[in-house]
């Protein structure tokens, strides 16, 4: 009897709204924007023969632009005016994109030769893919935590 009570108590405290699926979806959404910007920045910088630092700055800037714009599109579709939509996008994605970019660029900076790899080399794409997977794995719990506290993508989800 005592055991059943404990079990019922445990079942009662199970987290309901902020599931891993929702967090993963929010992260994937953000990651898509980040990846587009990141790859575009790397491609442009590499194609123009830029050094690592300006290429990285461009990639990070574009990652934020695309990350925000994907969220903006969804929120604007829900009927919010542009100013309110921008506030929601900034609230939802800033931490998410920042964590993602930190990991993404950290991995690329740490892998020997990855920063100097060319677009035709597997090292470039392999490192980028690995860093994006790692960024996804680290950012998902961050998003889950934020959604659970009614922040981040929880703000976006109330408009869907």
N, C-alpha and C. Protein backbone atom coordinates (compact mmCIF):
# COMPACT_ATOMS: atom_id res chain seq x y z
N UNK A 1 0.83 -1.19 0.00
CA UNK A 1 0.00 0.00 0.00
C UNK A 1 0.87 1.25 0.00
N UNK A 2 1.88 1.23 0.86
CA UNK A 2 2.81 2.36 0.94
C UNK A 2 3.48 2.59 -0.41
N UNK A 3 3.88 1.51 -1.08
CA UNK A 3 4.57 1.60 -2.36
C UNK A 3 3.68 2.25 -3.42
N UNK A 4 2.40 1.88 -3.43
CA UNK A 4 1.46 2.45 -4.39
C UNK A 4 1.34 3.95 -4.20
N UNK A 5 1.33 4.39 -2.98
CA UNK A 5 1.21 5.82 -2.67
C UNK A 5 2.42 6.57 -3.24
N UNK A 6 3.58 6.02 -3.04
CA UNK A 6 4.81 6.64 -3.55
C UNK A 6 4.76 6.69 -5.07
N UNK A 7 4.30 5.60 -5.67
CA UNK A 7 4.22 5.53 -7.13
C UNK A 7 3.25 6.58 -7.67
N UNK A 8 2.12 6.71 -7.04
CA UNK A 8 1.12 7.70 -7.47
C UNK A 8 1.69 9.11 -7.34
N UNK A 9 2.41 9.33 -6.25
CA UNK A 9 3.04 10.63 -6.00
C UNK A 9 4.04 10.93 -7.11
N UNK A 10 4.82 9.93 -7.47
CA UNK A 10 5.83 10.10 -8.51
C UNK A 10 5.17 10.41 -9.85
N UNK A 11 4.10 9.69 -10.14
CA UNK A 11 3.39 9.88 -11.40
C UNK A 11 2.82 11.29 -11.50
N UNK A 12 2.38 11.80 -10.39
CA UNK A 12 1.77 13.13 -10.33
C UNK A 12 2.77 14.24 -10.70
N UNK A 13 4.04 14.05 -10.35
CA UNK A 13 5.04 15.10 -10.57
C UNK A 13 5.71 15.00 -11.94
N UNK A 14 5.27 14.06 -12.78
CA UNK A 14 5.87 13.92 -14.11
C UNK A 14 5.61 15.19 -14.93
N UNK A 15 6.65 15.71 -15.59
CA UNK A 15 6.47 16.93 -16.38
C UNK A 15 5.55 16.68 -17.58
N UNK A 16 4.54 17.50 -17.73
CA UNK A 16 3.60 17.29 -18.82
C UNK A 16 3.89 18.19 -20.03
N UNK A 17 3.85 19.54 -19.87
CA UNK A 17 3.85 20.36 -21.09
C UNK A 17 5.17 20.38 -21.85
N UNK A 18 6.28 20.56 -21.17
CA UNK A 18 7.55 20.74 -21.87
C UNK A 18 8.20 19.39 -22.14
N UNK A 19 7.70 18.69 -23.13
CA UNK A 19 8.25 17.38 -23.46
C UNK A 19 9.53 17.51 -24.25
N UNK A 20 10.26 16.40 -24.33
CA UNK A 20 11.50 16.39 -25.10
C UNK A 20 11.22 16.60 -26.58
N UNK A 21 10.06 16.10 -27.06
CA UNK A 21 9.72 16.24 -28.47
C UNK A 21 9.57 17.72 -28.83
N UNK A 22 8.87 18.45 -27.96
CA UNK A 22 8.67 19.88 -28.21
C UNK A 22 10.00 20.61 -28.18
N UNK A 23 10.83 20.29 -27.20
CA UNK A 23 12.15 20.92 -27.08
C UNK A 23 13.01 20.59 -28.29
N UNK A 24 12.96 19.33 -28.72
CA UNK A 24 13.74 18.91 -29.89
C UNK A 24 13.27 19.63 -31.14
N UNK A 25 11.95 19.79 -31.26
CA UNK A 25 11.38 20.47 -32.42
C UNK A 25 11.81 21.94 -32.44
N UNK A 26 11.74 22.57 -31.28
CA UNK A 26 12.16 23.97 -31.17
C UNK A 26 13.64 24.11 -31.51
N UNK A 27 14.44 23.17 -31.00
CA UNK A 27 15.88 23.20 -31.25
C UNK A 27 16.19 22.97 -32.72
N UNK A 28 15.47 22.02 -33.32
CA UNK A 28 15.68 21.71 -34.73
C UNK A 28 15.33 22.91 -35.60
N UNK A 29 14.25 23.59 -35.22
CA UNK A 29 13.78 24.78 -35.91
C UNK A 29 14.89 25.84 -35.89
N UNK A 30 15.41 26.06 -34.71
CA UNK A 30 16.48 27.04 -34.50
C UNK A 30 17.75 26.60 -35.22
N UNK A 31 18.05 25.31 -35.12
CA UNK A 31 19.26 24.75 -35.74
C UNK A 31 19.23 24.89 -37.25
N UNK A 32 18.03 24.75 -37.82
CA UNK A 32 17.89 24.89 -39.28
C UNK A 32 18.34 26.28 -39.71
N UNK A 33 17.82 27.28 -39.01
CA UNK A 33 18.21 28.66 -39.30
C UNK A 33 19.69 28.89 -39.09
N UNK A 34 20.18 28.37 -37.98
CA UNK A 34 21.61 28.50 -37.66
C UNK A 34 22.47 27.85 -38.73
N UNK A 35 22.09 26.64 -39.11
CA UNK A 35 22.87 25.88 -40.09
C UNK A 35 22.90 26.60 -41.43
N UNK A 36 21.74 27.13 -41.86
CA UNK A 36 21.69 27.85 -43.14
C UNK A 36 22.65 29.04 -43.09
N UNK A 37 22.54 29.84 -42.02
CA UNK A 37 23.40 31.01 -41.88
C UNK A 37 24.87 30.66 -41.75
N UNK A 38 25.12 29.64 -40.95
CA UNK A 38 26.48 29.17 -40.70
C UNK A 38 27.14 28.71 -42.00
N UNK A 39 26.45 27.86 -42.74
CA UNK A 39 27.01 27.32 -43.98
C UNK A 39 27.19 28.43 -45.01
N UNK A 40 26.16 29.30 -45.11
CA UNK A 40 26.23 30.42 -46.04
C UNK A 40 27.44 31.31 -45.72
N UNK A 41 27.62 31.63 -44.44
CA UNK A 41 28.74 32.46 -44.01
C UNK A 41 30.08 31.83 -44.33
N UNK A 42 30.18 30.52 -44.04
CA UNK A 42 31.42 29.78 -44.32
C UNK A 42 31.70 29.75 -45.83
N UNK A 43 30.64 29.49 -46.60
CA UNK A 43 30.77 29.42 -48.06
C UNK A 43 31.20 30.77 -48.63
N UNK A 44 30.51 31.83 -48.21
CA UNK A 44 30.84 33.18 -48.71
C UNK A 44 32.27 33.56 -48.32
N UNK A 45 32.59 33.41 -47.02
CA UNK A 45 33.92 33.75 -46.52
C UNK A 45 35.02 32.96 -47.20
N UNK A 46 34.80 31.65 -47.35
CA UNK A 46 35.79 30.79 -47.97
C UNK A 46 35.94 31.13 -49.46
N UNK A 47 34.79 31.34 -50.11
CA UNK A 47 34.80 31.66 -51.55
C UNK A 47 35.53 32.98 -51.82
N UNK A 48 35.37 33.95 -50.91
CA UNK A 48 36.02 35.25 -51.08
C UNK A 48 37.46 35.25 -50.58
N UNK A 49 37.89 34.10 -50.05
CA UNK A 49 39.26 33.98 -49.57
C UNK A 49 39.53 34.77 -48.30
N UNK A 50 38.48 34.99 -47.49
CA UNK A 50 38.64 35.72 -46.23
C UNK A 50 39.39 34.88 -45.21
N UNK A 51 39.92 35.56 -44.20
CA UNK A 51 40.55 34.86 -43.09
C UNK A 51 39.47 34.28 -42.18
N UNK A 52 39.90 33.46 -41.22
CA UNK A 52 38.98 32.76 -40.33
C UNK A 52 38.07 33.68 -39.52
N UNK A 53 38.64 34.74 -38.96
CA UNK A 53 37.85 35.58 -38.05
C UNK A 53 36.69 36.28 -38.77
N UNK A 54 36.93 37.01 -39.87
CA UNK A 54 35.78 37.62 -40.54
C UNK A 54 34.78 36.59 -41.08
N UNK A 55 35.26 35.43 -41.51
CA UNK A 55 34.37 34.37 -41.99
C UNK A 55 33.48 33.90 -40.85
N UNK A 56 34.07 33.69 -39.67
CA UNK A 56 33.32 33.23 -38.51
C UNK A 56 32.29 34.28 -38.07
N UNK A 57 32.70 35.56 -38.08
CA UNK A 57 31.79 36.64 -37.70
C UNK A 57 30.60 36.68 -38.65
N UNK A 58 30.86 36.56 -39.94
CA UNK A 58 29.79 36.55 -40.94
C UNK A 58 28.88 35.34 -40.71
N UNK A 59 29.47 34.17 -40.48
CA UNK A 59 28.69 32.95 -40.26
C UNK A 59 27.78 33.08 -39.04
N UNK A 60 28.32 33.64 -37.95
CA UNK A 60 27.53 33.81 -36.72
C UNK A 60 26.41 34.83 -36.95
N UNK A 61 26.74 35.94 -37.60
CA UNK A 61 25.73 36.97 -37.88
C UNK A 61 24.60 36.40 -38.73
N UNK A 62 24.95 35.64 -39.77
CA UNK A 62 23.93 35.05 -40.63
C UNK A 62 23.13 33.98 -39.89
N UNK A 63 23.79 33.25 -38.99
CA UNK A 63 23.08 32.23 -38.20
C UNK A 63 21.99 32.89 -37.36
N UNK A 64 22.30 34.03 -36.75
CA UNK A 64 21.29 34.76 -35.97
C UNK A 64 20.17 35.27 -36.88
N UNK A 65 20.53 35.84 -38.03
CA UNK A 65 19.55 36.37 -38.97
C UNK A 65 18.56 35.28 -39.40
N UNK A 66 19.10 34.13 -39.84
CA UNK A 66 18.24 33.05 -40.31
C UNK A 66 17.49 32.39 -39.15
N UNK A 67 18.16 32.25 -38.01
CA UNK A 67 17.51 31.67 -36.83
C UNK A 67 16.30 32.49 -36.42
N UNK A 68 16.48 33.81 -36.36
CA UNK A 68 15.38 34.70 -36.00
C UNK A 68 14.29 34.71 -37.07
N UNK A 69 14.71 34.74 -38.34
CA UNK A 69 13.72 34.90 -39.41
C UNK A 69 12.78 33.70 -39.50
N UNK A 70 13.27 32.48 -39.20
CA UNK A 70 12.38 31.32 -39.22
C UNK A 70 11.32 31.44 -38.13
N UNK A 71 11.72 31.90 -36.94
CA UNK A 71 10.77 32.10 -35.85
C UNK A 71 9.81 33.23 -36.19
N UNK A 72 10.36 34.32 -36.71
CA UNK A 72 9.53 35.47 -37.10
C UNK A 72 8.44 35.06 -38.07
N UNK A 73 8.82 34.27 -39.06
CA UNK A 73 7.86 33.83 -40.08
C UNK A 73 6.67 33.12 -39.42
N UNK A 74 6.97 32.21 -38.50
CA UNK A 74 5.91 31.47 -37.81
C UNK A 74 5.02 32.36 -36.98
N UNK A 75 5.62 33.31 -36.27
CA UNK A 75 4.87 34.18 -35.38
C UNK A 75 4.04 35.20 -36.17
N UNK A 76 4.61 35.71 -37.25
CA UNK A 76 3.87 36.66 -38.10
C UNK A 76 2.67 35.97 -38.74
N UNK A 77 2.85 34.71 -39.13
CA UNK A 77 1.75 33.92 -39.70
C UNK A 77 0.60 33.82 -38.70
N UNK A 78 0.94 33.79 -37.41
CA UNK A 78 -0.07 33.66 -36.37
C UNK A 78 -0.83 34.97 -36.15
N UNK A 79 -0.40 36.04 -36.84
CA UNK A 79 -1.16 37.28 -36.82
C UNK A 79 -0.63 38.37 -35.90
N UNK A 80 0.59 38.20 -35.39
CA UNK A 80 1.16 39.26 -34.56
C UNK A 80 1.71 40.38 -35.46
N UNK A 81 1.71 41.60 -34.95
CA UNK A 81 2.32 42.67 -35.73
C UNK A 81 3.84 42.52 -35.64
N UNK A 82 4.54 43.16 -36.55
CA UNK A 82 5.98 42.96 -36.70
C UNK A 82 6.76 43.25 -35.42
N UNK A 83 6.45 44.36 -34.74
CA UNK A 83 7.18 44.75 -33.53
C UNK A 83 7.03 43.68 -32.43
N UNK A 84 5.81 43.20 -32.25
CA UNK A 84 5.56 42.16 -31.24
C UNK A 84 6.24 40.86 -31.65
N UNK A 85 6.20 40.56 -32.94
CA UNK A 85 6.81 39.33 -33.46
C UNK A 85 8.32 39.33 -33.23
N UNK A 86 8.94 40.49 -33.45
CA UNK A 86 10.39 40.62 -33.23
C UNK A 86 10.73 40.36 -31.76
N UNK A 87 9.92 40.92 -30.87
CA UNK A 87 10.14 40.70 -29.42
C UNK A 87 10.06 39.22 -29.08
N UNK A 88 9.07 38.53 -29.63
CA UNK A 88 8.90 37.10 -29.39
C UNK A 88 10.10 36.32 -29.93
N UNK A 89 10.53 36.65 -31.14
CA UNK A 89 11.66 35.95 -31.76
C UNK A 89 12.94 36.15 -30.95
N UNK A 90 13.16 37.40 -30.51
CA UNK A 90 14.36 37.68 -29.71
C UNK A 90 14.32 36.91 -28.40
N UNK A 91 13.14 36.90 -27.76
CA UNK A 91 12.99 36.21 -26.48
C UNK A 91 13.19 34.70 -26.65
N UNK A 92 12.63 34.17 -27.74
CA UNK A 92 12.65 32.73 -27.94
C UNK A 92 14.01 32.20 -28.37
N UNK A 93 14.69 32.94 -29.21
CA UNK A 93 15.86 32.35 -29.87
C UNK A 93 17.23 32.82 -29.41
N UNK A 94 17.31 33.94 -28.71
CA UNK A 94 18.63 34.48 -28.40
C UNK A 94 19.52 33.48 -27.66
N UNK A 95 19.03 32.92 -26.55
CA UNK A 95 19.84 31.97 -25.78
C UNK A 95 20.13 30.72 -26.60
N UNK A 96 19.09 30.25 -27.27
CA UNK A 96 19.20 29.05 -28.09
C UNK A 96 20.28 29.20 -29.16
N UNK A 97 20.21 30.29 -29.92
CA UNK A 97 21.19 30.51 -30.99
C UNK A 97 22.58 30.74 -30.40
N UNK A 98 22.65 31.49 -29.31
CA UNK A 98 23.95 31.78 -28.69
C UNK A 98 24.64 30.49 -28.25
N UNK A 99 23.90 29.60 -27.58
CA UNK A 99 24.46 28.32 -27.12
C UNK A 99 24.92 27.51 -28.33
N UNK A 100 24.05 27.47 -29.34
CA UNK A 100 24.35 26.72 -30.55
C UNK A 100 25.61 27.23 -31.25
N UNK A 101 25.70 28.52 -31.42
CA UNK A 101 26.84 29.11 -32.12
C UNK A 101 28.14 28.92 -31.33
N UNK A 102 28.03 29.02 -30.02
CA UNK A 102 29.19 28.84 -29.15
C UNK A 102 29.77 27.43 -29.35
N UNK A 103 28.89 26.43 -29.32
CA UNK A 103 29.33 25.04 -29.48
C UNK A 103 29.81 24.81 -30.90
N UNK A 104 29.00 25.24 -31.84
CA UNK A 104 29.29 25.03 -33.25
C UNK A 104 30.67 25.59 -33.61
N UNK A 105 30.87 26.85 -33.31
CA UNK A 105 32.15 27.49 -33.66
C UNK A 105 33.28 27.01 -32.77
N UNK A 106 32.96 26.65 -31.53
CA UNK A 106 33.96 26.09 -30.62
C UNK A 106 34.53 24.80 -31.17
N UNK A 107 33.64 23.93 -31.63
CA UNK A 107 34.06 22.64 -32.20
C UNK A 107 34.91 22.89 -33.45
N UNK A 108 34.42 23.75 -34.34
CA UNK A 108 35.14 24.04 -35.58
C UNK A 108 36.53 24.62 -35.27
N UNK A 109 36.59 25.49 -34.25
CA UNK A 109 37.87 26.10 -33.87
C UNK A 109 38.82 25.07 -33.24
N UNK A 110 38.24 24.08 -32.54
CA UNK A 110 39.07 23.09 -31.83
C UNK A 110 39.56 21.95 -32.72
N UNK A 111 38.82 21.61 -33.76
CA UNK A 111 39.24 20.51 -34.64
C UNK A 111 40.41 20.98 -35.49
N UNK A 112 41.55 20.29 -35.39
CA UNK A 112 42.73 20.74 -36.13
C UNK A 112 42.47 20.79 -37.63
N UNK A 113 42.75 21.93 -38.23
CA UNK A 113 42.62 22.08 -39.67
C UNK A 113 41.22 22.39 -40.18
N UNK A 114 40.20 22.29 -39.31
CA UNK A 114 38.82 22.48 -39.77
C UNK A 114 38.58 23.91 -40.26
N UNK A 115 39.15 24.90 -39.56
CA UNK A 115 38.96 26.28 -39.96
C UNK A 115 39.58 26.58 -41.32
N UNK A 116 40.64 25.83 -41.66
CA UNK A 116 41.34 26.08 -42.91
C UNK A 116 40.93 25.12 -44.02
N UNK A 117 40.00 24.20 -43.68
CA UNK A 117 39.54 23.23 -44.67
C UNK A 117 38.73 23.94 -45.74
N UNK A 118 38.81 23.44 -46.94
CA UNK A 118 38.07 24.04 -48.05
C UNK A 118 36.73 23.36 -48.24
N UNK A 119 35.86 24.03 -48.99
CA UNK A 119 34.50 23.52 -49.18
C UNK A 119 34.45 22.16 -49.85
N UNK A 120 35.51 21.82 -50.58
CA UNK A 120 35.54 20.53 -51.29
C UNK A 120 36.04 19.41 -50.38
N UNK A 121 36.50 19.75 -49.18
CA UNK A 121 37.08 18.73 -48.29
C UNK A 121 36.04 18.17 -47.32
N UNK A 122 36.14 16.87 -47.06
CA UNK A 122 35.21 16.23 -46.14
C UNK A 122 35.41 16.77 -44.72
N UNK A 123 36.63 17.21 -44.39
CA UNK A 123 36.90 17.73 -43.05
C UNK A 123 36.00 18.94 -42.75
N UNK A 124 35.82 19.80 -43.74
CA UNK A 124 34.97 20.98 -43.59
C UNK A 124 33.53 20.56 -43.25
N UNK A 125 32.96 19.70 -44.10
CA UNK A 125 31.56 19.29 -43.93
C UNK A 125 31.40 18.34 -42.74
N UNK A 126 32.38 17.48 -42.54
CA UNK A 126 32.33 16.53 -41.42
C UNK A 126 32.35 17.26 -40.08
N UNK A 127 33.24 18.24 -39.96
CA UNK A 127 33.33 19.02 -38.72
C UNK A 127 32.06 19.82 -38.50
N UNK A 128 31.54 20.43 -39.59
CA UNK A 128 30.32 21.22 -39.49
C UNK A 128 29.15 20.34 -39.06
N UNK A 129 29.02 19.16 -39.66
CA UNK A 129 27.93 18.24 -39.31
C UNK A 129 28.06 17.81 -37.85
N UNK A 130 29.28 17.45 -37.43
CA UNK A 130 29.52 17.02 -36.05
C UNK A 130 29.18 18.14 -35.07
N UNK A 131 29.61 19.36 -35.39
CA UNK A 131 29.37 20.49 -34.48
C UNK A 131 27.89 20.81 -34.40
N UNK A 132 27.15 20.65 -35.49
CA UNK A 132 25.72 20.92 -35.48
C UNK A 132 24.97 19.86 -34.66
N UNK A 133 25.39 18.60 -34.79
CA UNK A 133 24.78 17.53 -33.99
C UNK A 133 25.04 17.78 -32.51
N UNK A 134 26.28 18.13 -32.17
CA UNK A 134 26.64 18.41 -30.78
C UNK A 134 25.85 19.61 -30.26
N UNK A 135 25.75 20.66 -31.08
CA UNK A 135 24.99 21.84 -30.70
C UNK A 135 23.53 21.49 -30.45
N UNK A 136 22.98 20.62 -31.28
CA UNK A 136 21.60 20.17 -31.11
C UNK A 136 21.42 19.45 -29.78
N UNK A 137 22.36 18.54 -29.47
CA UNK A 137 22.28 17.75 -28.24
C UNK A 137 22.39 18.61 -26.98
N UNK A 138 23.19 19.67 -27.06
CA UNK A 138 23.35 20.54 -25.89
C UNK A 138 22.22 21.56 -25.79
N UNK A 139 21.73 22.04 -26.93
CA UNK A 139 20.72 23.10 -26.92
C UNK A 139 19.33 22.56 -26.60
N UNK A 140 19.04 21.30 -26.95
CA UNK A 140 17.72 20.73 -26.67
C UNK A 140 17.35 20.80 -25.18
N UNK A 141 18.23 20.35 -24.26
CA UNK A 141 17.87 20.49 -22.83
C UNK A 141 17.73 21.96 -22.40
N UNK A 142 18.50 22.86 -23.00
CA UNK A 142 18.38 24.29 -22.69
C UNK A 142 16.98 24.76 -23.09
N UNK A 143 16.55 24.39 -24.29
CA UNK A 143 15.21 24.76 -24.76
C UNK A 143 14.13 24.11 -23.91
N UNK A 144 14.33 22.85 -23.52
CA UNK A 144 13.35 22.14 -22.70
C UNK A 144 13.19 22.87 -21.37
N UNK A 145 14.30 23.27 -20.79
CA UNK A 145 14.29 23.99 -19.52
C UNK A 145 13.56 25.33 -19.68
N UNK A 146 13.87 26.04 -20.76
CA UNK A 146 13.22 27.34 -21.00
C UNK A 146 11.73 27.20 -21.26
N UNK A 147 11.34 26.19 -22.06
CA UNK A 147 9.92 25.97 -22.35
C UNK A 147 9.20 25.61 -21.05
N UNK A 148 9.85 24.78 -20.24
CA UNK A 148 9.27 24.37 -18.96
C UNK A 148 9.03 25.55 -18.02
N UNK A 149 9.82 26.60 -18.19
CA UNK A 149 9.66 27.79 -17.35
C UNK A 149 8.80 28.84 -18.06
N UNK A 150 8.21 28.46 -19.21
CA UNK A 150 7.33 29.37 -19.94
C UNK A 150 8.09 30.42 -20.72
N UNK A 151 9.39 30.16 -20.95
CA UNK A 151 10.19 31.11 -21.73
C UNK A 151 10.57 30.48 -23.06
N UNK A 152 11.39 31.19 -23.81
CA UNK A 152 11.89 30.65 -25.06
C UNK A 152 10.78 30.30 -26.02
N UNK A 153 10.84 29.08 -26.53
CA UNK A 153 9.88 28.68 -27.56
C UNK A 153 8.48 28.48 -27.03
N UNK A 154 8.31 28.43 -25.69
CA UNK A 154 6.97 28.37 -25.13
C UNK A 154 6.20 29.62 -25.55
N UNK A 155 6.94 30.73 -25.61
CA UNK A 155 6.36 32.00 -26.02
C UNK A 155 5.87 31.90 -27.47
N UNK A 156 6.65 31.24 -28.30
CA UNK A 156 6.28 31.07 -29.70
C UNK A 156 5.09 30.15 -29.84
N UNK A 157 5.09 29.05 -29.06
CA UNK A 157 4.05 28.04 -29.19
C UNK A 157 2.66 28.55 -28.86
N UNK A 158 2.56 29.58 -28.03
CA UNK A 158 1.22 30.08 -27.74
C UNK A 158 0.62 30.81 -28.94
N UNK A 159 1.43 31.11 -29.95
CA UNK A 159 0.92 31.77 -31.15
C UNK A 159 0.64 30.79 -32.28
N UNK A 160 1.00 29.51 -32.09
CA UNK A 160 0.78 28.54 -33.17
C UNK A 160 -0.62 27.97 -33.11
